[in-house]
Amino acid sequence: MNGHRTPPPGKWYVFPVTLLALALFIPLFILRRIGALDFFWWMSLSMVVVLTLALILDHSCRQTLREDVSHKIIKKIVTGLISAGILYVVFLAGNFFVRHVMGDSGQQISDVYSYKGQASPLRIILLMVFIIGPGEELFWRGFLQGNLMARFGRIQGLIMTTLIYSLMHLASGNILLVIAAFVCGLFWGWLYLHYRSMVVNVVSHTAWDVVVFMVIPFTT
């Protein structure tokens, strides 16, 4: 015996489902809309497609989610809200820094908010709360990171998921958005690694999205 632990076999569907997600989301950052589908409709519908497929295929992910929502739910919600506040403060400091260091940062930040287009604030908030925020965490952390950590190890799974999540945003051509995605991916990835709770992650991501994009945006 060589003393090395043999990693568990990978689930065959993780790679093709992730490729499908990238195929749906990457054009989103380039084109921003397809016909009647603006950015938020496109993101929401794509999220429903890939997450439904992931949950149908991954029984263990469904089982973990059922157990998660049945235990200490209030504590997890509070933890998620606190973590969202911490991440907002991090971005508040980052916003101050880049606006004083990067000459074109103001335009890049404004470009991120331009993704809202003509969508009504109410629709954006509803989609963020019920589809986008929960969907992103259930897919990127619960499905992808959970499977990559099981296959390659906790830290390796966290790093791989964060890189995939960040590199996807390269299609936007906005370096600040890529950096923001990396910071968020690393933060929520660590949150999932530490708490192993989708409730914590979903609350954190959803609350952060709504506050940053709709309540107290970094527009100045």
C-alpha atoms as a PDB file:
ATOM      1  CA  MET A   1       0.000   0.000   0.000  1.00  0.00           C
ATOM      2  CA  ASN A   2       1.341   3.456  -0.863  1.00  0.00           C
ATOM      3  CA  GLY A   3      -0.564   5.308   1.856  1.00  0.00           C
ATOM      4  CA  HIS A   4      -2.278   7.651  -0.620  1.00  0.00           C
ATOM      5  CA  ARG A   5      -6.049   7.964  -0.513  1.00  0.00           C
ATOM      6  CA  THR A   6      -7.648   7.187  -3.841  1.00  0.00           C
ATOM      7  CA  PRO A   7     -10.044   9.997  -4.758  1.00  0.00           C
ATOM      8  CA  PRO A   8     -13.671   8.994  -5.307  1.00  0.00           C
ATOM      9  CA  PRO A   9     -14.740   8.652  -8.923  1.00  0.00           C
ATOM     10  CA  GLY A  10     -16.065  11.849 -10.449  1.00  0.00           C
ATOM     11  CA  LYS A  11     -19.719  12.133 -11.386  1.00  0.00           C
ATOM     12  CA  TRP A  12     -19.965  11.989 -15.170  1.00  0.00           C
ATOM     13  CA  TYR A  13     -22.487  14.822 -15.442  1.00  0.00           C
ATOM     14  CA  VAL A  14     -20.557  17.545 -13.591  1.00  0.00           C
ATOM     15  CA  PHE A  15     -18.383  18.478 -16.573  1.00  0.00           C
ATOM     16  CA  PRO A  16     -21.127  18.619 -19.275  1.00  0.00           C
ATOM     17  CA  VAL A  17     -23.544  20.493 -17.004  1.00  0.00           C
ATOM     18  CA  THR A  18     -20.827  23.029 -16.189  1.00  0.00           C
ATOM     19  CA  LEU A  19     -20.039  23.422 -19.893  1.00  0.00           C
ATOM     20  CA  LEU A  20     -23.724  24.031 -20.565  1.00  0.00           C
ATOM     21  CA  ALA A  21     -23.765  26.723 -17.870  1.00  0.00           C
ATOM     22  CA  LEU A  22     -20.762  28.435 -19.434  1.00  0.00           C
ATOM     23  CA  ALA A  23     -22.331  28.190 -22.896  1.00  0.00           C
ATOM     24  CA  LEU A  24     -25.431  29.954 -21.594  1.00  0.00           C
ATOM     25  CA  PHE A  25     -23.796  32.558 -19.371  1.00  0.00           C
ATOM     26  CA  ILE A  26     -20.749  33.655 -21.378  1.00  0.00           C
ATOM     27  CA  PRO A  27     -22.807  35.068 -24.287  1.00  0.00           C
ATOM     28  CA  LEU A  28     -24.922  36.841 -21.696  1.00  0.00           C
ATOM     29  CA  PHE A  29     -21.986  39.063 -20.753  1.00  0.00           C
ATOM     30  CA  ILE A  30     -21.162  39.759 -24.403  1.00  0.00           C
ATOM     31  CA  LEU A  31     -24.580  40.385 -25.935  1.00  0.00           C
ATOM     32  CA  ARG A  32     -26.558  41.397 -22.816  1.00  0.00           C
ATOM     33  CA  ARG A  33     -29.823  40.444 -24.493  1.00  0.00           C
ATOM     34  CA  ILE A  34     -31.379  38.194 -27.124  1.00  0.00           C
ATOM     35  CA  GLY A  35     -34.500  39.620 -28.692  1.00  0.00           C
ATOM     36  CA  ALA A  36     -37.062  40.143 -25.976  1.00  0.00           C
ATOM     37  CA  LEU A  37     -34.806  38.586 -23.348  1.00  0.00           C
ATOM     38  CA  ASP A  38     -32.821  41.264 -21.524  1.00  0.00           C
ATOM     39  CA  PHE A  39     -29.901  40.506 -19.203  1.00  0.00           C
ATOM     40  CA  PHE A  40     -31.993  39.576 -16.168  1.00  0.00           C
ATOM     41  CA  TRP A  41     -34.556  37.469 -18.034  1.00  0.00           C
ATOM     42  CA  TRP A  42     -31.738  35.653 -19.839  1.00  0.00           C
ATOM     43  CA  MET A  43     -29.801  35.027 -16.639  1.00  0.00           C
ATOM     44  CA  SER A  44     -32.899  33.833 -14.804  1.00  0.00           C
ATOM     45  CA  LEU A  45     -34.042  31.432 -17.534  1.00  0.00           C
ATOM     46  CA  SER A  46     -30.515  30.072 -17.986  1.00  0.00           C
ATOM     47  CA  MET A  47     -30.213  29.610 -14.244  1.00  0.00           C
ATOM     48  CA  VAL A  48     -33.457  27.665 -14.102  1.00  0.00           C
ATOM     49  CA  VAL A  49     -32.283  25.376 -16.922  1.00  0.00           C
ATOM     50  CA  VAL A  50     -28.844  24.476 -15.539  1.00  0.00           C
ATOM     51  CA  LEU A  51     -29.955  24.264 -11.909  1.00  0.00           C
ATOM     52  CA  THR A  52     -32.924  22.030 -12.734  1.00  0.00           C
ATOM     53  CA  LEU A  53     -30.638  19.738 -14.703  1.00  0.00           C
ATOM     54  CA  ALA A  54     -28.059  19.688 -11.908  1.00  0.00           C
ATOM     55  CA  LEU A  55     -30.616  18.860  -9.223  1.00  0.00           C
ATOM     56  CA  ILE A  56     -32.266  16.157 -11.319  1.00  0.00           C
ATOM     57  CA  LEU A  57     -28.926  14.435 -11.903  1.00  0.00           C
ATOM     58  CA  ASP A  58     -27.347  14.965  -8.475  1.00  0.00           C
ATOM     59  CA  HIS A  59     -29.298  13.100  -5.817  1.00  0.00           C
ATOM     60  CA  SER A  60     -26.718  13.845  -3.109  1.00  0.00           C
ATOM     61  CA  CYS A  61     -27.050  17.588  -3.760  1.00  0.00           C
ATOM     62  CA  ARG A  62     -30.834  17.364  -3.305  1.00  0.00           C
ATOM     63  CA  GLN A  63     -30.454  15.332  -0.129  1.00  0.00           C
ATOM     64  CA  THR A  64     -27.923  17.764   1.346  1.00  0.00           C
ATOM     65  CA  LEU A  65     -30.232  20.685   0.570  1.00  0.00           C
ATOM     66  CA  ARG A  66     -33.206  19.007   2.291  1.00  0.00           C
ATOM     67  CA  GLU A  67     -31.138  18.382   5.412  1.00  0.00           C
ATOM     68  CA  ASP A  68     -29.771  21.922   5.366  1.00  0.00           C
ATOM     69  CA  VAL A  69     -33.165  23.675   5.360  1.00  0.00           C
ATOM     70  CA  SER A  70     -34.454  21.502   8.195  1.00  0.00           C
ATOM     71  CA  HIS A  71     -31.801  22.411  10.771  1.00  0.00           C
ATOM     72  CA  LYS A  72     -31.128  25.730  12.602  1.00  0.00           C
ATOM     73  CA  ILE A  73     -32.672  27.754   9.811  1.00  0.00           C
ATOM     74  CA  ILE A  74     -32.887  31.051  11.734  1.00  0.00           C
ATOM     75  CA  LYS A  75     -29.233  30.912  12.762  1.00  0.00           C
ATOM     76  CA  LYS A  76     -28.224  30.240   9.171  1.00  0.00           C
ATOM     77  CA  ILE A  77     -30.288  33.169   7.879  1.00  0.00           C
ATOM     78  CA  VAL A  78     -28.695  35.516  10.404  1.00  0.00           C
ATOM     79  CA  THR A  79     -25.222  34.221   9.523  1.00  0.00           C
ATOM     80  CA  GLY A  80     -25.945  34.806   5.845  1.00  0.00           C
ATOM     81  CA  LEU A  81     -27.103  38.380   6.465  1.00  0.00           C
ATOM     82  CA  ILE A  82     -24.042  39.176   8.580  1.00  0.00           C
ATOM     83  CA  SER A  83     -21.728  37.748   5.918  1.00  0.00           C
ATOM     84  CA  ALA A  84     -23.467  39.856   3.251  1.00  0.00           C
ATOM     85  CA  GLY A  85     -22.814  42.937   5.387  1.00  0.00           C
ATOM     86  CA  ILE A  86     -19.150  42.022   5.726  1.00  0.00           C
ATOM     87  CA  LEU A  87     -18.802  41.551   1.970  1.00  0.00           C
ATOM     88  CA  TYR A  88     -20.522  44.876   1.330  1.00  0.00           C
ATOM     89  CA  VAL A  89     -17.996  46.642   3.580  1.00  0.00           C
ATOM     90  CA  VAL A  90     -15.166  44.945   1.671  1.00  0.00           C
ATOM     91  CA  PHE A  91     -16.577  46.262  -1.602  1.00  0.00           C
ATOM     92  CA  LEU A  92     -17.202  49.683  -0.096  1.00  0.00           C
ATOM     93  CA  ALA A  93     -13.499  49.906   0.727  1.00  0.00           C
ATOM     94  CA  GLY A  94     -12.599  48.526  -2.701  1.00  0.00           C
ATOM     95  CA  ASN A  95     -14.835  51.070  -4.411  1.00  0.00           C
ATOM     96  CA  PHE A  96     -13.082  53.907  -2.588  1.00  0.00           C
ATOM     97  CA  PHE A  97      -9.674  52.475  -3.470  1.00  0.00           C
ATOM     98  CA  VAL A  98     -10.202  51.881  -7.200  1.00  0.00           C
ATOM     99  CA  ARG A  99     -11.835  55.265  -7.764  1.00  0.00           C
ATOM    100  CA  HIS A 100      -8.697  56.931  -6.395  1.00  0.00           C
ATOM    101  CA  VAL A 101      -6.186  54.631  -8.093  1.00  0.00           C
ATOM    102  CA  MET A 102      -7.698  53.612 -11.436  1.00  0.00           C
ATOM    103  CA  GLY A 103      -8.479  56.553 -13.672  1.00  0.00           C
ATOM    104  CA  ASP A 104     -11.175  54.783 -15.697  1.00  0.00           C
ATOM    105  CA  SER A 105     -12.707  52.893 -12.794  1.00  0.00           C
ATOM    106  CA  GLY A 106     -15.773  55.097 -12.669  1.00  0.00           C
ATOM    107  CA  GLN A 107     -16.716  54.132 -16.223  1.00  0.00           C
ATOM    108  CA  GLN A 108     -16.133  50.432 -15.561  1.00  0.00           C
ATOM    109  CA  ILE A 109     -18.292  50.556 -12.436  1.00  0.00           C
ATOM    110  CA  SER A 110     -21.027  52.411 -14.316  1.00  0.00           C
ATOM    111  CA  ASP A 111     -20.823  49.790 -17.062  1.00  0.00           C
ATOM    112  CA  VAL A 112     -21.652  47.057 -14.539  1.00  0.00           C
ATOM    113  CA  TYR A 113     -24.821  48.897 -13.536  1.00  0.00           C
ATOM    114  CA  SER A 114     -25.739  49.403 -17.181  1.00  0.00           C
ATOM    115  CA  TYR A 115     -26.640  45.702 -17.282  1.00  0.00           C
ATOM    116  CA  LYS A 116     -29.904  46.739 -15.639  1.00  0.00           C
ATOM    117  CA  GLY A 117     -30.930  48.372 -18.906  1.00  0.00           C
ATOM    118  CA  GLN A 118     -34.608  49.271 -18.978  1.00  0.00           C
ATOM    119  CA  ALA A 119     -35.657  46.530 -16.570  1.00  0.00           C
ATOM    120  CA  SER A 120     -37.921  47.735 -13.785  1.00  0.00           C
ATOM    121  CA  PRO A 121     -36.395  47.788 -10.284  1.00  0.00           C
ATOM    122  CA  LEU A 122     -39.209  45.573  -8.968  1.00  0.00           C
ATOM    123  CA  ARG A 123     -38.575  42.896 -11.593  1.00  0.00           C
ATOM    124  CA  ILE A 124     -34.828  42.945 -10.948  1.00  0.00           C
ATOM    125  CA  ILE A 125     -35.354  42.553  -7.200  1.00  0.00           C
ATOM    126  CA  LEU A 126     -37.871  39.728  -7.611  1.00  0.00           C
ATOM    127  CA  LEU A 127     -35.608  37.839 -10.012  1.00  0.00           C
ATOM    128  CA  MET A 128     -32.619  38.341  -7.720  1.00  0.00           C
ATOM    129  CA  VAL A 129     -34.488  37.156  -4.648  1.00  0.00           C
ATOM    130  CA  PHE A 130     -36.281  34.163  -6.111  1.00  0.00           C
ATOM    131  CA  ILE A 131     -34.045  32.955  -8.952  1.00  0.00           C
ATOM    132  CA  ILE A 132     -30.656  34.587  -9.502  1.00  0.00           C
ATOM    133  CA  GLY A 133     -29.262  34.779  -5.966  1.00  0.00           C
ATOM    134  CA  PRO A 134     -30.457  31.331  -4.839  1.00  0.00           C
ATOM    135  CA  GLY A 135     -29.738  29.770  -8.230  1.00  0.00           C
ATOM    136  CA  GLU A 136     -26.144  30.955  -8.446  1.00  0.00           C
ATOM    137  CA  GLU A 137     -25.266  29.609  -5.022  1.00  0.00           C
ATOM    138  CA  LEU A 138     -27.086  26.315  -5.469  1.00  0.00           C
ATOM    139  CA  PHE A 139     -25.322  25.778  -8.774  1.00  0.00           C
ATOM    140  CA  TRP A 140     -21.817  27.217  -8.353  1.00  0.00           C
ATOM    141  CA  ARG A 141     -21.251  26.339  -4.718  1.00  0.00           C
ATOM    142  CA  GLY A 142     -23.758  23.583  -3.891  1.00  0.00           C
ATOM    143  CA  PHE A 143     -23.430  21.630  -7.127  1.00  0.00           C
ATOM    144  CA  LEU A 144     -20.086  22.497  -8.699  1.00  0.00           C
ATOM    145  CA  GLN A 145     -17.922  23.309  -5.686  1.00  0.00           C
ATOM    146  CA  GLY A 146     -19.482  20.508  -3.649  1.00  0.00           C
ATOM    147  CA  ASN A 147     -18.616  17.967  -6.329  1.00  0.00           C
ATOM    148  CA  LEU A 148     -15.143  19.373  -6.992  1.00  0.00           C
ATOM    149  CA  MET A 149     -14.303  19.353  -3.275  1.00  0.00           C
ATOM    150  CA  ALA A 150     -15.441  15.741  -3.011  1.00  0.00           C
ATOM    151  CA  ARG A 151     -13.358  14.779  -6.037  1.00  0.00           C
ATOM    152  CA  PHE A 152     -10.188  16.852  -5.611  1.00  0.00           C
ATOM    153  CA  GLY A 153     -10.158  18.087  -2.002  1.00  0.00           C
ATOM    154  CA  ARG A 154     -11.633  21.025  -0.111  1.00  0.00           C
ATOM    155  CA  ILE A 155      -9.123  23.734  -1.030  1.00  0.00           C
ATOM    156  CA  GLN A 156      -8.641  22.512  -4.582  1.00  0.00           C
ATOM    157  CA  GLY A 157     -12.403  22.453  -5.129  1.00  0.00           C
ATOM    158  CA  LEU A 158     -12.742  25.967  -3.763  1.00  0.00           C
ATOM    159  CA  ILE A 159      -9.963  27.314  -5.988  1.00  0.00           C
ATOM    160  CA  MET A 160     -11.199  25.561  -9.125  1.00  0.00           C
ATOM    161  CA  THR A 161     -14.767  26.786  -8.687  1.00  0.00           C
ATOM    162  CA  THR A 162     -13.620  30.340  -7.975  1.00  0.00           C
ATOM    163  CA  LEU A 163     -11.456  30.395 -11.105  1.00  0.00           C
ATOM    164  CA  ILE A 164     -14.236  29.037 -13.335  1.00  0.00           C
ATOM    165  CA  TYR A 165     -16.728  31.511 -11.848  1.00  0.00           C
ATOM    166  CA  SER A 166     -14.300  34.412 -12.325  1.00  0.00           C
ATOM    167  CA  LEU A 167     -13.066  33.530 -15.809  1.00  0.00           C
ATOM    168  CA  MET A 168     -16.658  33.311 -17.034  1.00  0.00           C
ATOM    169  CA  HIS A 169     -16.926  37.063 -16.422  1.00  0.00           C
ATOM    170  CA  LEU A 170     -13.975  37.771 -18.754  1.00  0.00           C
ATOM    171  CA  ALA A 171     -16.498  37.838 -21.584  1.00  0.00           C
ATOM    172  CA  SER A 172     -17.733  41.173 -20.241  1.00  0.00           C
ATOM    173  CA  GLY A 173     -14.389  42.821 -21.053  1.00  0.00           C
ATOM    174  CA  ASN A 174     -14.647  44.614 -17.717  1.00  0.00           C
ATOM    175  CA  ILE A 175     -11.631  43.932 -15.504  1.00  0.00           C
ATOM    176  CA  LEU A 176     -13.344  45.288 -12.399  1.00  0.00           C
ATOM    177  CA  LEU A 177     -16.251  42.898 -12.890  1.00  0.00           C
ATOM    178  CA  VAL A 178     -13.811  39.996 -13.181  1.00  0.00           C
ATOM    179  CA  ILE A 179     -12.051  41.083  -9.979  1.00  0.00           C
ATOM    180  CA  ALA A 180     -15.403  41.486  -8.243  1.00  0.00           C
ATOM    181  CA  ALA A 181     -16.444  38.000  -9.384  1.00  0.00           C
ATOM    182  CA  PHE A 182     -13.164  36.574  -8.063  1.00  0.00           C
ATOM    183  CA  VAL A 183     -13.584  38.239  -4.664  1.00  0.00           C
ATOM    184  CA  CYS A 184     -17.219  37.167  -4.416  1.00  0.00           C
ATOM    185  CA  GLY A 185     -16.444  33.655  -5.627  1.00  0.00           C
ATOM    186  CA  LEU A 186     -13.648  33.281  -3.109  1.00  0.00           C
ATOM    187  CA  PHE A 187     -15.771  34.714  -0.295  1.00  0.00           C
ATOM    188  CA  TRP A 188     -18.858  32.606  -0.964  1.00  0.00           C
ATOM    189  CA  GLY A 189     -16.682  29.596  -1.723  1.00  0.00           C
ATOM    190  CA  TRP A 190     -15.001  29.914   1.669  1.00  0.00           C
ATOM    191  CA  LEU A 191     -18.400  30.469   3.282  1.00  0.00           C
ATOM    192  CA  TYR A 192     -19.648  27.206   1.820  1.00  0.00           C
ATOM    193  CA  LEU A 193     -16.464  25.357   2.726  1.00  0.00           C
ATOM    194  CA  HIS A 194     -16.712  26.612   6.319  1.00  0.00           C
ATOM    195  CA  TYR A 195     -20.448  26.236   7.000  1.00  0.00           C
ATOM    196  CA  ARG A 196     -21.454  23.690   4.315  1.00  0.00           C
ATOM    197  CA  SER A 197     -24.852  25.373   4.264  1.00  0.00           C
ATOM    198  CA  MET A 198     -26.692  26.454   1.167  1.00  0.00           C
ATOM    199  CA  VAL A 199     -29.048  28.500   3.332  1.00  0.00           C
ATOM    200  CA  VAL A 200     -26.140  30.643   4.556  1.00  0.00           C
ATOM    201  CA  ASN A 201     -24.795  31.081   1.027  1.00  0.00           C
ATOM    202  CA  VAL A 202     -28.148  31.788  -0.601  1.00  0.00           C
ATOM    203  CA  VAL A 203     -29.060  34.429   1.980  1.00  0.00           C
ATOM    204  CA  SER A 204     -25.610  36.013   1.731  1.00  0.00           C
ATOM    205  CA  HIS A 205     -25.563  36.166  -2.066  1.00  0.00           C
ATOM    206  CA  THR A 206     -29.168  37.302  -2.436  1.00  0.00           C
ATOM    207  CA  ALA A 207     -28.940  40.028   0.216  1.00  0.00           C
ATOM    208  CA  TRP A 208     -25.654  41.287  -1.221  1.00  0.00           C
ATOM    209  CA  ASP A 209     -27.034  41.383  -4.768  1.00  0.00           C
ATOM    210  CA  VAL A 210     -30.096  43.386  -3.782  1.00  0.00           C
ATOM    211  CA  VAL A 211     -28.163  45.876  -1.665  1.00  0.00           C
ATOM    212  CA  VAL A 212     -25.322  46.415  -4.148  1.00  0.00           C
ATOM    213  CA  PHE A 213     -27.450  46.665  -7.266  1.00  0.00           C
ATOM    214  CA  MET A 214     -30.647  48.209  -6.015  1.00  0.00           C
ATOM    215  CA  VAL A 215     -30.460  49.667  -2.486  1.00  0.00           C
ATOM    216  CA  ILE A 216     -27.010  51.210  -1.948  1.00  0.00           C
ATOM    217  CA  PRO A 217     -25.180  50.897  -5.280  1.00  0.00           C
ATOM    218  CA  PHE A 218     -21.564  51.942  -5.820  1.00  0.00           C
ATOM    219  CA  THR A 219     -22.460  54.616  -8.350  1.00  0.00           C
ATOM    220  CA  THR A 220     -20.416  57.431  -6.801  1.00  0.00           C
END
